[in-house]
PDB file of N, CA and C in Angstrom:
ATOM      1  N   UNK A   1      10.505   9.534  29.433  1.00  0.00           N
ATOM      2  CA  UNK A   1      11.173  10.805  29.628  1.00  0.00           C
ATOM      3  C   UNK A   1      12.402  10.557  30.503  1.00  0.00           C
ATOM      4  N   UNK A   2      13.554  11.049  30.048  1.00  0.00           N
ATOM      5  CA  UNK A   2      14.771  10.884  30.851  1.00  0.00           C
ATOM      6  C   UNK A   2      14.631  11.575  32.213  1.00  0.00           C
ATOM      7  N   UNK A   3      15.261  10.980  33.213  1.00  0.00           N
ATOM      8  CA  UNK A   3      15.176  11.506  34.568  1.00  0.00           C
ATOM      9  C   UNK A   3      15.683  12.933  34.695  1.00  0.00           C
ATOM     10  N   UNK A   4      16.761  13.243  33.971  1.00  0.00           N
ATOM     11  CA  UNK A   4      17.306  14.607  34.065  1.00  0.00           C
ATOM     12  C   UNK A   4      16.336  15.631  33.496  1.00  0.00           C
ATOM     13  N   UNK A   5      15.532  15.228  32.504  1.00  0.00           N
ATOM     14  CA  UNK A   5      14.524  16.142  31.966  1.00  0.00           C
ATOM     15  C   UNK A   5      13.374  16.306  32.950  1.00  0.00           C
ATOM     16  N   UNK A   6      13.052  15.247  33.691  1.00  0.00           N
ATOM     17  CA  UNK A   6      12.025  15.347  34.730  1.00  0.00           C
ATOM     18  C   UNK A   6      12.450  16.349  35.804  1.00  0.00           C
ATOM     19  N   UNK A   7      13.737  16.356  36.142  1.00  0.00           N
ATOM     20  CA  UNK A   7      14.243  17.316  37.128  1.00  0.00           C
ATOM     21  C   UNK A   7      14.112  18.733  36.586  1.00  0.00           C
ATOM     22  N   UNK A   8      14.446  18.935  35.318  1.00  0.00           N
ATOM     23  CA  UNK A   8      14.315  20.265  34.693  1.00  0.00           C
ATOM     24  C   UNK A   8      12.857  20.726  34.737  1.00  0.00           C
ATOM     25  N   UNK A   9      11.936  19.858  34.353  1.00  0.00           N
ATOM     26  CA  UNK A   9      10.517  20.209  34.363  1.00  0.00           C
ATOM     27  C   UNK A   9      10.049  20.476  35.796  1.00  0.00           C
ATOM     28  N   UNK A  10      10.531  19.690  36.751  1.00  0.00           N
ATOM     29  CA  UNK A  10      10.177  19.905  38.154  1.00  0.00           C
ATOM     30  C   UNK A  10      10.663  21.253  38.669  1.00  0.00           C
ATOM     31  N   UNK A  11      11.888  21.616  38.321  1.00  0.00           N
ATOM     32  CA  UNK A  11      12.417  22.924  38.728  1.00  0.00           C
ATOM     33  C   UNK A  11      11.645  24.058  38.078  1.00  0.00           C
ATOM     34  N   UNK A  12      11.274  23.857  36.822  1.00  0.00           N
ATOM     35  CA  UNK A  12      10.487  24.886  36.132  1.00  0.00           C
ATOM     36  C   UNK A  12       9.102  25.015  36.772  1.00  0.00           C
ATOM     37  N   UNK A  13       8.484  23.889  37.143  1.00  0.00           N
ATOM     38  CA  UNK A  13       7.172  23.921  37.791  1.00  0.00           C
ATOM     39  C   UNK A  13       7.270  24.607  39.152  1.00  0.00           C
ATOM     40  N   UNK A  14       8.340  24.338  39.889  1.00  0.00           N
ATOM     41  CA  UNK A  14       8.556  25.010  41.167  1.00  0.00           C
ATOM     42  C   UNK A  14       8.686  26.518  40.962  1.00  0.00           C
ATOM     43  N   UNK A  15       9.399  26.921  39.920  1.00  0.00           N
ATOM     44  CA  UNK A  15       9.523  28.338  39.602  1.00  0.00           C
ATOM     45  C   UNK A  15       8.189  28.971  39.268  1.00  0.00           C
ATOM     46  N   UNK A  16       7.338  28.242  38.545  1.00  0.00           N
ATOM     47  CA  UNK A  16       6.011  28.774  38.202  1.00  0.00           C
ATOM     48  C   UNK A  16       5.163  28.952  39.448  1.00  0.00           C
ATOM     49  N   UNK A  17       5.213  27.984  40.351  1.00  0.00           N
ATOM     50  CA  UNK A  17       4.440  28.080  41.593  1.00  0.00           C
ATOM     51  C   UNK A  17       4.951  29.238  42.447  1.00  0.00           C
ATOM     52  N   UNK A  18       6.265  29.373  42.559  1.00  0.00           N
ATOM     53  CA  UNK A  18       6.820  30.472  43.350  1.00  0.00           C
ATOM     54  C   UNK A  18       6.488  31.827  42.733  1.00  0.00           C
ATOM     55  N   UNK A  19       6.444  31.902  41.408  1.00  0.00           N
ATOM     56  CA  UNK A  19       6.034  33.148  40.750  1.00  0.00           C
ATOM     57  C   UNK A  19       4.578  33.478  41.061  1.00  0.00           C
ATOM     58  N   UNK A  20       3.718  32.458  41.086  1.00  0.00           N
ATOM     59  CA  UNK A  20       2.317  32.700  41.438  1.00  0.00           C
ATOM     60  C   UNK A  20       2.182  33.179  42.872  1.00  0.00           C
ATOM     61  N   UNK A  21       2.940  32.561  43.774  1.00  0.00           N
ATOM     62  CA  UNK A  21       2.890  32.954  45.187  1.00  0.00           C
ATOM     63  C   UNK A  21       3.366  34.395  45.353  1.00  0.00           C
ATOM     64  N   UNK A  22       4.387  34.773  44.602  1.00  0.00           N
ATOM     65  CA  UNK A  22       4.938  36.127  44.702  1.00  0.00           C
ATOM     66  C   UNK A  22       4.109  37.151  43.934  1.00  0.00           C
ATOM     67  N   UNK A  23       3.123  36.712  43.186  1.00  0.00           N
ATOM     68  CA  UNK A  23       2.268  37.628  42.453  1.00  0.00           C
ATOM     69  C   UNK A  23       2.713  37.892  41.023  1.00  0.00           C
ATOM     70  N   UNK A  24       3.692  37.150  40.543  1.00  0.00           N
ATOM     71  CA  UNK A  24       4.162  37.321  39.164  1.00  0.00           C
ATOM     72  C   UNK A  24       3.367  36.443  38.223  1.00  0.00           C
ATOM     73  N   UNK A  25       2.153  36.857  37.919  1.00  0.00           N
ATOM     74  CA  UNK A  25       1.258  36.033  37.109  1.00  0.00           C
ATOM     75  C   UNK A  25       1.795  35.858  35.694  1.00  0.00           C
ATOM     76  N   UNK A  26       2.277  36.935  35.091  1.00  0.00           N
ATOM     77  CA  UNK A  26       2.808  36.843  33.733  1.00  0.00           C
ATOM     78  C   UNK A  26       4.025  35.916  33.678  1.00  0.00           C
ATOM     79  N   UNK A  27       4.897  36.015  34.663  1.00  0.00           N
ATOM     80  CA  UNK A  27       6.067  35.131  34.718  1.00  0.00           C
ATOM     81  C   UNK A  27       5.652  33.677  34.872  1.00  0.00           C
ATOM     82  N   UNK A  28       4.652  33.429  35.699  1.00  0.00           N
ATOM     83  CA  UNK A  28       4.163  32.067  35.890  1.00  0.00           C
ATOM     84  C   UNK A  28       3.557  31.521  34.604  1.00  0.00           C
ATOM     85  N   UNK A  29       2.802  32.345  33.888  1.00  0.00           N
ATOM     86  CA  UNK A  29       2.192  31.910  32.626  1.00  0.00           C
ATOM     87  C   UNK A  29       3.285  31.587  31.606  1.00  0.00           C
ATOM     88  N   UNK A  30       4.296  32.444  31.500  1.00  0.00           N
ATOM     89  CA  UNK A  30       5.403  32.172  30.577  1.00  0.00           C
ATOM     90  C   UNK A  30       6.133  30.888  30.948  1.00  0.00           C
ATOM     91  N   UNK A  31       6.312  30.659  32.226  1.00  0.00           N
ATOM     92  CA  UNK A  31       6.972  29.439  32.697  1.00  0.00           C
ATOM     93  C   UNK A  31       6.157  28.202  32.296  1.00  0.00           C
ATOM     94  N   UNK A  32       4.849  28.278  32.457  1.00  0.00           N
ATOM     95  CA  UNK A  32       3.979  27.146  32.081  1.00  0.00           C
ATOM     96  C   UNK A  32       4.031  26.913  30.573  1.00  0.00           C
ATOM     97  N   UNK A  33       4.053  27.982  29.789  1.00  0.00           N
ATOM     98  CA  UNK A  33       4.158  27.845  28.333  1.00  0.00           C
ATOM     99  C   UNK A  33       5.473  27.152  27.962  1.00  0.00           C
ATOM    100  N   UNK A  34       6.562  27.515  28.626  1.00  0.00           N
ATOM    101  CA  UNK A  34       7.847  26.866  28.353  1.00  0.00           C
ATOM    102  C   UNK A  34       7.832  25.400  28.786  1.00  0.00           C
ATOM    103  N   UNK A  35       7.172  25.093  29.894  1.00  0.00           N
ATOM    104  CA  UNK A  35       7.045  23.698  30.330  1.00  0.00           C
ATOM    105  C   UNK A  35       6.285  22.891  29.285  1.00  0.00           C
ATOM    106  N   UNK A  36       5.200  23.441  28.783  1.00  0.00           N
ATOM    107  CA  UNK A  36       4.418  22.751  27.746  1.00  0.00           C
ATOM    108  C   UNK A  36       5.280  22.536  26.506  1.00  0.00           C
ATOM    109  N   UNK A  37       6.087  23.519  26.145  1.00  0.00           N
ATOM    110  CA  UNK A  37       6.986  23.380  24.996  1.00  0.00           C
ATOM    111  C   UNK A  37       8.003  22.269  25.190  1.00  0.00           C
ATOM    112  N   UNK A  38       8.548  22.162  26.401  1.00  0.00           N
ATOM    113  CA  UNK A  38       9.503  21.080  26.687  1.00  0.00           C
ATOM    114  C   UNK A  38       8.802  19.734  26.609  1.00  0.00           C
ATOM    115  N   UNK A  39       7.627  19.633  27.221  1.00  0.00           N
ATOM    116  CA  UNK A  39       6.893  18.362  27.220  1.00  0.00           C
ATOM    117  C   UNK A  39       6.415  17.972  25.830  1.00  0.00           C
ATOM    118  N   UNK A  40       6.218  18.939  24.954  1.00  0.00           N
ATOM    119  CA  UNK A  40       5.812  18.654  23.574  1.00  0.00           C
ATOM    120  C   UNK A  40       7.007  18.259  22.709  1.00  0.00           C
ATOM    121  N   UNK A  41       8.215  18.481  23.212  1.00  0.00           N
ATOM    122  CA  UNK A  41       9.408  18.110  22.464  1.00  0.00           C
ATOM    123  C   UNK A  41       9.891  19.185  21.509  1.00  0.00           C
ATOM    124  N   UNK A  42       9.563  20.427  21.770  1.00  0.00           N
ATOM    125  CA  UNK A  42       9.940  21.529  20.890  1.00  0.00           C
ATOM    126  C   UNK A  42      11.424  21.851  21.064  1.00  0.00           C
ATOM    127  N   UNK A  43      12.197  21.666  19.999  1.00  0.00           N
ATOM    128  CA  UNK A  43      13.636  21.899  20.068  1.00  0.00           C
ATOM    129  C   UNK A  43      13.956  23.384  20.210  1.00  0.00           C
ATOM    130  N   UNK A  44      13.113  24.246  19.671  1.00  0.00           N
ATOM    131  CA  UNK A  44      13.315  25.681  19.821  1.00  0.00           C
ATOM    132  C   UNK A  44      13.223  26.112  21.278  1.00  0.00           C
ATOM    133  N   UNK A  45      12.289  25.523  22.011  1.00  0.00           N
ATOM    134  CA  UNK A  45      12.154  25.824  23.437  1.00  0.00           C
ATOM    135  C   UNK A  45      13.376  25.316  24.189  1.00  0.00           C
ATOM    136  N   UNK A  46      13.859  24.145  23.821  1.00  0.00           N
ATOM    137  CA  UNK A  46      15.051  23.592  24.469  1.00  0.00           C
ATOM    138  C   UNK A  46      16.246  24.521  24.262  1.00  0.00           C
ATOM    139  N   UNK A  47      16.438  24.969  23.045  1.00  0.00           N
ATOM    140  CA  UNK A  47      17.549  25.876  22.743  1.00  0.00           C
ATOM    141  C   UNK A  47      17.363  27.213  23.452  1.00  0.00           C
ATOM    142  N   UNK A  48      16.134  27.732  23.463  1.00  0.00           N
ATOM    143  CA  UNK A  48      15.835  28.994  24.130  1.00  0.00           C
ATOM    144  C   UNK A  48      16.144  28.902  25.622  1.00  0.00           C
ATOM    145  N   UNK A  49      15.754  27.799  26.254  1.00  0.00           N
ATOM    146  CA  UNK A  49      16.011  27.625  27.681  1.00  0.00           C
ATOM    147  C   UNK A  49      17.500  27.544  27.987  1.00  0.00           C
ATOM    148  N   UNK A  50      18.256  26.919  27.111  1.00  0.00           N
ATOM    149  CA  UNK A  50      19.711  26.862  27.321  1.00  0.00           C
ATOM    150  C   UNK A  50      20.322  28.254  27.220  1.00  0.00           C
ATOM    151  N   UNK A  51      19.890  29.033  26.249  1.00  0.00           N
ATOM    152  CA  UNK A  51      20.389  30.398  26.116  1.00  0.00           C
ATOM    153  C   UNK A  51      19.974  31.274  27.286  1.00  0.00           C
ATOM    154  N   UNK A  52      18.731  31.116  27.716  1.00  0.00           N
ATOM    155  CA  UNK A  52      18.235  31.874  28.849  1.00  0.00           C
ATOM    156  C   UNK A  52      19.004  31.532  30.125  1.00  0.00           C
ATOM    157  N   UNK A  53      19.350  30.262  30.296  1.00  0.00           N
ATOM    158  CA  UNK A  53      20.133  29.854  31.469  1.00  0.00           C
ATOM    159  C   UNK A  53      21.524  30.473  31.435  1.00  0.00           C
ATOM    160  N   UNK A  54      22.126  30.559  30.261  1.00  0.00           N
ATOM    161  CA  UNK A  54      23.451  31.183  30.145  1.00  0.00           C
ATOM    162  C   UNK A  54      23.381  32.665  30.493  1.00  0.00           C
ATOM    163  N   UNK A  55      22.345  33.340  30.026  1.00  0.00           N
ATOM    164  CA  UNK A  55      22.165  34.759  30.350  1.00  0.00           C
ATOM    165  C   UNK A  55      21.940  34.921  31.851  1.00  0.00           C
ATOM    166  N   UNK A  56      21.173  34.018  32.445  1.00  0.00           N
ATOM    167  CA  UNK A  56      20.905  34.086  33.881  1.00  0.00           C
ATOM    168  C   UNK A  56      22.182  33.902  34.694  1.00  0.00           C
ATOM    169  N   UNK A  57      23.074  33.039  34.244  1.00  0.00           N
ATOM    170  CA  UNK A  57      24.356  32.872  34.937  1.00  0.00           C
ATOM    171  C   UNK A  57      25.148  34.173  34.900  1.00  0.00           C
ATOM    172  N   UNK A  58      25.220  34.797  33.736  1.00  0.00           N
ATOM    173  CA  UNK A  58      25.939  36.070  33.617  1.00  0.00           C
ATOM    174  C   UNK A  58      25.295  37.150  34.489  1.00  0.00           C
ATOM    175  N   UNK A  59      23.971  37.197  34.503  1.00  0.00           N
ATOM    176  CA  UNK A  59      23.277  38.182  35.312  1.00  0.00           C
ATOM    177  C   UNK A  59      23.530  37.949  36.802  1.00  0.00           C
ATOM    178  N   UNK A  60      23.494  36.710  37.245  1.00  0.00           N
ATOM    179  CA  UNK A  60      23.731  36.386  38.651  1.00  0.00           C
ATOM    180  C   UNK A  60      25.140  36.781  39.064  1.00  0.00           C
ATOM    181  N   UNK A  61      26.115  36.498  38.220  1.00  0.00           N
ATOM    182  CA  UNK A  61      27.494  36.881  38.528  1.00  0.00           C
ATOM    183  C   UNK A  61      27.614  38.401  38.629  1.00  0.00           C
ATOM    184  N   UNK A  62      26.953  39.119  37.729  1.00  0.00           N
ATOM    185  CA  UNK A  62      26.984  40.579  37.752  1.00  0.00           C
ATOM    186  C   UNK A  62      26.362  41.125  39.036  1.00  0.00           C
ATOM    187  N   UNK A  63      25.212  40.584  39.409  1.00  0.00           N
ATOM    188  CA  UNK A  63      24.540  41.039  40.629  1.00  0.00           C
ATOM    189  C   UNK A  63      25.368  40.710  41.858  1.00  0.00           C
ATOM    190  N   UNK A  64      25.936  39.518  41.905  1.00  0.00           N
ATOM    191  CA  UNK A  64      26.765  39.147  43.055  1.00  0.00           C
ATOM    192  C   UNK A  64      27.998  40.031  43.164  1.00  0.00           C
ATOM    193  N   UNK A  65      28.598  40.359  42.036  1.00  0.00           N
ATOM    194  CA  UNK A  65      29.782  41.225  42.066  1.00  0.00           C
ATOM    195  C   UNK A  65      29.409  42.617  42.562  1.00  0.00           C
ATOM    196  N   UNK A  66      28.279  43.129  42.132  1.00  0.00           N
ATOM    197  CA  UNK A  66      27.831  44.443  42.589  1.00  0.00           C
ATOM    198  C   UNK A  66      27.424  44.439  44.053  1.00  0.00           C
ATOM    199  N   UNK A  67      26.763  43.367  44.474  1.00  0.00           N
ATOM    200  CA  UNK A  67      26.303  43.289  45.859  1.00  0.00           C
ATOM    201  C   UNK A  67      27.460  43.032  46.817  1.00  0.00           C
ATOM    202  N   UNK A  68      28.524  42.451  46.341  1.00  0.00           N
ATOM    203  CA  UNK A  68      29.674  42.177  47.206  1.00  0.00           C
ATOM    204  C   UNK A  68      30.302  43.465  47.716  1.00  0.00           C
ATOM    205  N   UNK A  69      30.201  44.536  46.942  1.00  0.00           N
ATOM    206  CA  UNK A  69      30.751  45.811  47.390  1.00  0.00           C
ATOM    207  C   UNK A  69      29.849  46.477  48.428  1.00  0.00           C
ATOM    208  N   UNK A  70      28.557  46.115  48.431  1.00  0.00           N
ATOM    209  CA  UNK A  70      27.616  46.731  49.367  1.00  0.00           C
ATOM    210  C   UNK A  70      27.475  45.962  50.670  1.00  0.00           C
ATOM    211  N   UNK A  71      27.452  44.661  50.581  1.00  0.00           N
ATOM    212  CA  UNK A  71      27.223  43.848  51.767  1.00  0.00           C
ATOM    213  C   UNK A  71      28.012  42.545  51.671  1.00  0.00           C
ATOM    214  N   UNK A  72      28.261  41.972  52.795  1.00  0.00           N
ATOM    215  CA  UNK A  72      28.961  40.688  52.859  1.00  0.00           C
ATOM    216  C   UNK A  72      27.996  39.667  53.447  1.00  0.00           C
ATOM    217  N   UNK A  73      26.965  39.317  52.686  1.00  0.00           N
ATOM    218  CA  UNK A  73      25.905  38.447  53.167  1.00  0.00           C
ATOM    219  C   UNK A  73      26.114  37.010  52.692  1.00  0.00           C
ATOM    220  N   UNK A  74      26.273  36.070  53.637  1.00  0.00           N
ATOM    221  CA  UNK A  74      26.394  34.667  53.232  1.00  0.00           C
ATOM    222  C   UNK A  74      25.117  34.136  52.568  1.00  0.00           C
ATOM    223  N   UNK A  75      23.954  34.668  52.965  1.00  0.00           N
ATOM    224  CA  UNK A  75      22.691  34.219  52.364  1.00  0.00           C
ATOM    225  C   UNK A  75      22.632  34.607  50.892  1.00  0.00           C
ATOM    226  N   UNK A  76      23.109  35.805  50.574  1.00  0.00           N
ATOM    227  CA  UNK A  76      23.139  36.249  49.182  1.00  0.00           C
ATOM    228  C   UNK A  76      24.090  35.392  48.361  1.00  0.00           C
ATOM    229  N   UNK A  77      25.221  35.071  48.929  1.00  0.00           N
ATOM    230  CA  UNK A  77      26.184  34.209  48.241  1.00  0.00           C
ATOM    231  C   UNK A  77      25.596  32.815  48.009  1.00  0.00           C
ATOM    232  N   UNK A  78      24.908  32.276  48.999  1.00  0.00           N
ATOM    233  CA  UNK A  78      24.283  30.961  48.859  1.00  0.00           C
ATOM    234  C   UNK A  78      23.197  30.986  47.778  1.00  0.00           C
ATOM    235  N   UNK A  79      22.396  32.048  47.758  1.00  0.00           N
ATOM    236  CA  UNK A  79      21.359  32.175  46.725  1.00  0.00           C
ATOM    237  C   UNK A  79      21.988  32.253  45.338  1.00  0.00           C
ATOM    238  N   UNK A  80      23.106  32.966  45.219  1.00  0.00           N
ATOM    239  CA  UNK A  80      23.802  33.057  43.938  1.00  0.00           C
ATOM    240  C   UNK A  80      24.362  31.723  43.491  1.00  0.00           C
ATOM    241  N   UNK A  81      24.922  30.976  44.429  1.00  0.00           N
ATOM    242  CA  UNK A  81      25.465  29.648  44.102  1.00  0.00           C
ATOM    243  C   UNK A  81      24.349  28.716  43.641  1.00  0.00           C
ATOM    244  N   UNK A  82      23.214  28.756  44.315  1.00  0.00           N
ATOM    245  CA  UNK A  82      22.075  27.917  43.917  1.00  0.00           C
ATOM    246  C   UNK A  82      21.582  28.319  42.531  1.00  0.00           C
ATOM    247  N   UNK A  83      21.496  29.619  42.262  1.00  0.00           N
ATOM    248  CA  UNK A  83      21.034  30.089  40.951  1.00  0.00           C
ATOM    249  C   UNK A  83      21.982  29.655  39.845  1.00  0.00           C
ATOM    250  N   UNK A  84      23.275  29.818  40.061  1.00  0.00           N
ATOM    251  CA  UNK A  84      24.261  29.437  39.043  1.00  0.00           C
ATOM    252  C   UNK A  84      24.262  27.928  38.828  1.00  0.00           C
ATOM    253  N   UNK A  85      24.175  27.167  39.911  1.00  0.00           N
ATOM    254  CA  UNK A  85      24.173  25.706  39.810  1.00  0.00           C
ATOM    255  C   UNK A  85      22.941  25.196  39.057  1.00  0.00           C
ATOM    256  N   UNK A  86      21.775  25.743  39.363  1.00  0.00           N
ATOM    257  CA  UNK A  86      20.566  25.270  38.682  1.00  0.00           C
ATOM    258  C   UNK A  86      20.588  25.640  37.200  1.00  0.00           C
ATOM    259  N   UNK A  87      21.097  26.816  36.867  1.00  0.00           N
ATOM    260  CA  UNK A  87      21.194  27.217  35.453  1.00  0.00           C
ATOM    261  C   UNK A  87      22.208  26.343  34.711  1.00  0.00           C
ATOM    262  N   UNK A  88      23.316  26.045  35.375  1.00  0.00           N
ATOM    263  CA  UNK A  88      24.312  25.170  34.760  1.00  0.00           C
ATOM    264  C   UNK A  88      23.722  23.772  34.535  1.00  0.00           C
ATOM    265  N   UNK A  89      22.894  23.309  35.465  1.00  0.00           N
ATOM    266  CA  UNK A  89      22.232  22.018  35.299  1.00  0.00           C
ATOM    267  C   UNK A  89      21.282  22.051  34.101  1.00  0.00           C
ATOM    268  N   UNK A  90      20.533  23.145  33.932  1.00  0.00           N
ATOM    269  CA  UNK A  90      19.636  23.282  32.783  1.00  0.00           C
ATOM    270  C   UNK A  90      20.431  23.160  31.488  1.00  0.00           C
ATOM    271  N   UNK A  91      21.539  23.890  31.404  1.00  0.00           N
ATOM    272  CA  UNK A  91      22.359  23.859  30.186  1.00  0.00           C
ATOM    273  C   UNK A  91      22.868  22.448  29.929  1.00  0.00           C
ATOM    274  N   UNK A  92      23.351  21.790  30.969  1.00  0.00           N
ATOM    275  CA  UNK A  92      23.893  20.444  30.819  1.00  0.00           C
ATOM    276  C   UNK A  92      22.793  19.445  30.450  1.00  0.00           C
ATOM    277  N   UNK A  93      21.704  19.444  31.209  1.00  0.00           N
ATOM    278  CA  UNK A  93      20.646  18.449  30.999  1.00  0.00           C
ATOM    279  C   UNK A  93      19.982  18.606  29.634  1.00  0.00           C
ATOM    280  N   UNK A  94      19.703  19.835  29.239  1.00  0.00           N
ATOM    281  CA  UNK A  94      19.028  20.051  27.961  1.00  0.00           C
ATOM    282  C   UNK A  94      19.950  19.837  26.766  1.00  0.00           C
ATOM    283  N   UNK A  95      21.242  19.685  27.014  1.00  0.00           N
ATOM    284  CA  UNK A  95      22.181  19.419  25.941  1.00  0.00           C
ATOM    285  C   UNK A  95      22.554  17.952  25.796  1.00  0.00           C
ATOM    286  N   UNK A  96      22.043  17.100  26.670  1.00  0.00           N
ATOM    287  CA  UNK A  96      22.373  15.677  26.621  1.00  0.00           C
ATOM    288  C   UNK A  96      21.696  14.991  25.442  1.00  0.00           C
ATOM    289  N   UNK A  97      22.378  13.991  24.892  1.00  0.00           N
ATOM    290  CA  UNK A  97      21.875  13.278  23.712  1.00  0.00           C
ATOM    291  C   UNK A  97      20.541  12.583  23.969  1.00  0.00           C
ATOM    292  N   UNK A  98      20.388  11.948  25.153  1.00  0.00           N
ATOM    293  CA  UNK A  98      19.139  11.228  25.414  1.00  0.00           C
ATOM    294  C   UNK A  98      17.959  12.191  25.544  1.00  0.00           C
ATOM    295  N   UNK A  99      18.199  13.378  26.076  1.00  0.00           N
ATOM    296  CA  UNK A  99      17.134  14.373  26.182  1.00  0.00           C
ATOM    297  C   UNK A  99      16.759  14.881  24.794  1.00  0.00           C
ATOM    298  N   UNK A 100      17.755  15.185  23.987  1.00  0.00           N
ATOM    299  CA  UNK A 100      17.472  15.649  22.620  1.00  0.00           C
ATOM    300  C   UNK A 100      16.738  14.575  21.824  1.00  0.00           C
ATOM    301  N   UNK A 101      17.169  13.319  21.967  1.00  0.00           N
ATOM    302  CA  UNK A 101      16.514  12.236  21.237  1.00  0.00           C
ATOM    303  C   UNK A 101      15.071  12.055  21.701  1.00  0.00           C
ATOM    304  N   UNK A 102      14.848  12.118  23.020  1.00  0.00           N
ATOM    305  CA  UNK A 102      13.487  11.979  23.539  1.00  0.00           C
ATOM    306  C   UNK A 102      12.604  13.097  23.004  1.00  0.00           C
ATOM    307  N   UNK A 103      13.122  14.323  23.004  1.00  0.00           N
ATOM    308  CA  UNK A 103      12.339  15.456  22.524  1.00  0.00           C
ATOM    309  C   UNK A 103      12.061  15.331  21.032  1.00  0.00           C
ATOM    310  N   UNK A 104      13.046  14.833  20.269  1.00  0.00           N
ATOM    311  CA  UNK A 104      12.847  14.611  18.835  1.00  0.00           C
ATOM    312  C   UNK A 104      11.738  13.590  18.616  1.00  0.00           C
ATOM    313  N   UNK A 105      11.821  12.472  19.328  1.00  0.00           N
ATOM    314  CA  UNK A 105      10.810  11.428  19.180  1.00  0.00           C
ATOM    315  C   UNK A 105       9.430  11.912  19.618  1.00  0.00           C
ATOM    316  N   UNK A 106       9.389  12.688  20.670  1.00  0.00           N
ATOM    317  CA  UNK A 106       8.119  13.212  21.158  1.00  0.00           C
ATOM    318  C   UNK A 106       7.521  14.197  20.150  1.00  0.00           C
ATOM    319  N   UNK A 107       8.346  15.057  19.602  1.00  0.00           N
ATOM    320  CA  UNK A 107       7.882  16.072  18.666  1.00  0.00           C
ATOM    321  C   UNK A 107       7.346  15.454  17.373  1.00  0.00           C
ATOM    322  N   UNK A 108       8.037  14.432  16.880  1.00  0.00           N
ATOM    323  CA  UNK A 108       7.625  13.805  15.620  1.00  0.00           C
ATOM    324  C   UNK A 108       6.776  12.557  15.833  1.00  0.00           C
ATOM    325  N   UNK A 109       6.373  12.326  17.084  1.00  0.00           N
ATOM    326  CA  UNK A 109       5.471  11.232  17.445  1.00  0.00           C
ATOM    327  C   UNK A 109       5.967   9.874  16.949  1.00  0.00           C
ATOM    328  N   UNK A 110       7.243   9.602  17.184  1.00  0.00           N
ATOM    329  CA  UNK A 110       7.829   8.317  16.831  1.00  0.00           C
ATOM    330  C   UNK A 110       7.694   7.369  18.010  1.00  0.00           C
ATOM    331  N   UNK A 111       7.398   6.106  17.725  1.00  0.00           N
ATOM    332  CA  UNK A 111       7.338   5.104  18.786  1.00  0.00           C
ATOM    333  C   UNK A 111       8.731   4.866  19.322  1.00  0.00           C
ATOM    334  N   UNK A 112       8.813   4.359  20.549  1.00  0.00           N
ATOM    335  CA  UNK A 112      10.124   4.118  21.153  1.00  0.00           C
ATOM    336  C   UNK A 112      10.925   3.064  20.398  1.00  0.00           C
ATOM    337  N   UNK A 113      10.253   2.123  19.743  1.00  0.00           N
ATOM    338  CA  UNK A 113      10.962   1.055  19.058  1.00  0.00           C
ATOM    339  C   UNK A 113      11.341   1.365  17.624  1.00  0.00           C
ATOM    340  N   UNK A 114      10.796   2.412  17.059  1.00  0.00           N
ATOM    341  CA  UNK A 114      11.078   2.689  15.648  1.00  0.00           C
ATOM    342  C   UNK A 114      12.235   3.663  15.496  1.00  0.00           C
ATOM    343  N   UNK A 115      12.915   3.524  14.392  1.00  0.00           N
ATOM    344  CA  UNK A 115      14.026   4.415  14.079  1.00  0.00           C
ATOM    345  C   UNK A 115      13.515   5.595  13.281  1.00  0.00           C
ATOM    346  N   UNK A 116      14.204   6.727  13.361  1.00  0.00           N
ATOM    347  CA  UNK A 116      13.799   7.860  12.519  1.00  0.00           C
ATOM    348  C   UNK A 116      14.012   7.526  11.055  1.00  0.00           C
ATOM    349  N   UNK A 117      13.311   8.208  10.178  1.00  0.00           N
ATOM    350  CA  UNK A 117      13.470   7.932   8.751  1.00  0.00           C
ATOM    351  C   UNK A 117      14.918   8.185   8.308  1.00  0.00           C
ATOM    352  N   UNK A 118      15.401   7.394   7.359  1.00  0.00           N
ATOM    353  CA  UNK A 118      16.793   7.600   6.918  1.00  0.00           C
ATOM    354  C   UNK A 118      16.956   8.936   6.191  1.00  0.00           C
ATOM    355  N   UNK A 119      18.111   9.534   6.403  1.00  0.00           N
ATOM    356  CA  UNK A 119      18.378  10.791   5.701  1.00  0.00           C
ATOM    357  C   UNK A 119      19.008  10.486   4.360  1.00  0.00           C
ATOM    358  N   UNK A 120      18.745  11.301   3.391  1.00  0.00           N
ATOM    359  CA  UNK A 120      19.243  11.068   2.041  1.00  0.00           C
ATOM    360  C   UNK A 120      20.586  11.709   1.848  1.00  0.00           C
TER     361      UNK A 120
END
């Protein structure tokens, strides 16, 4: 598994644990289901996570713009920067060729030394 994908899975696992601590059981369960999908090599989950990260970036920018008129909190700005940075990392990492190839090989249960079947 590529290192950048391990970081993505680690961040997702941290999110699931924090959701459990906060009492968001349904959110934690959904997070675990998405982690299992990534580890299984499901390309649909990879694409879904990239789209979800893009939506989260837009939502964070919207919330920060609205909150800027109400308060001038450096902590809120820092939280927004962390949220945008982590989502941007998800989009970047899940779009890398080595991650896509690893997920393809994992999904179709190909050995590391074998090539995929030739396309016609």
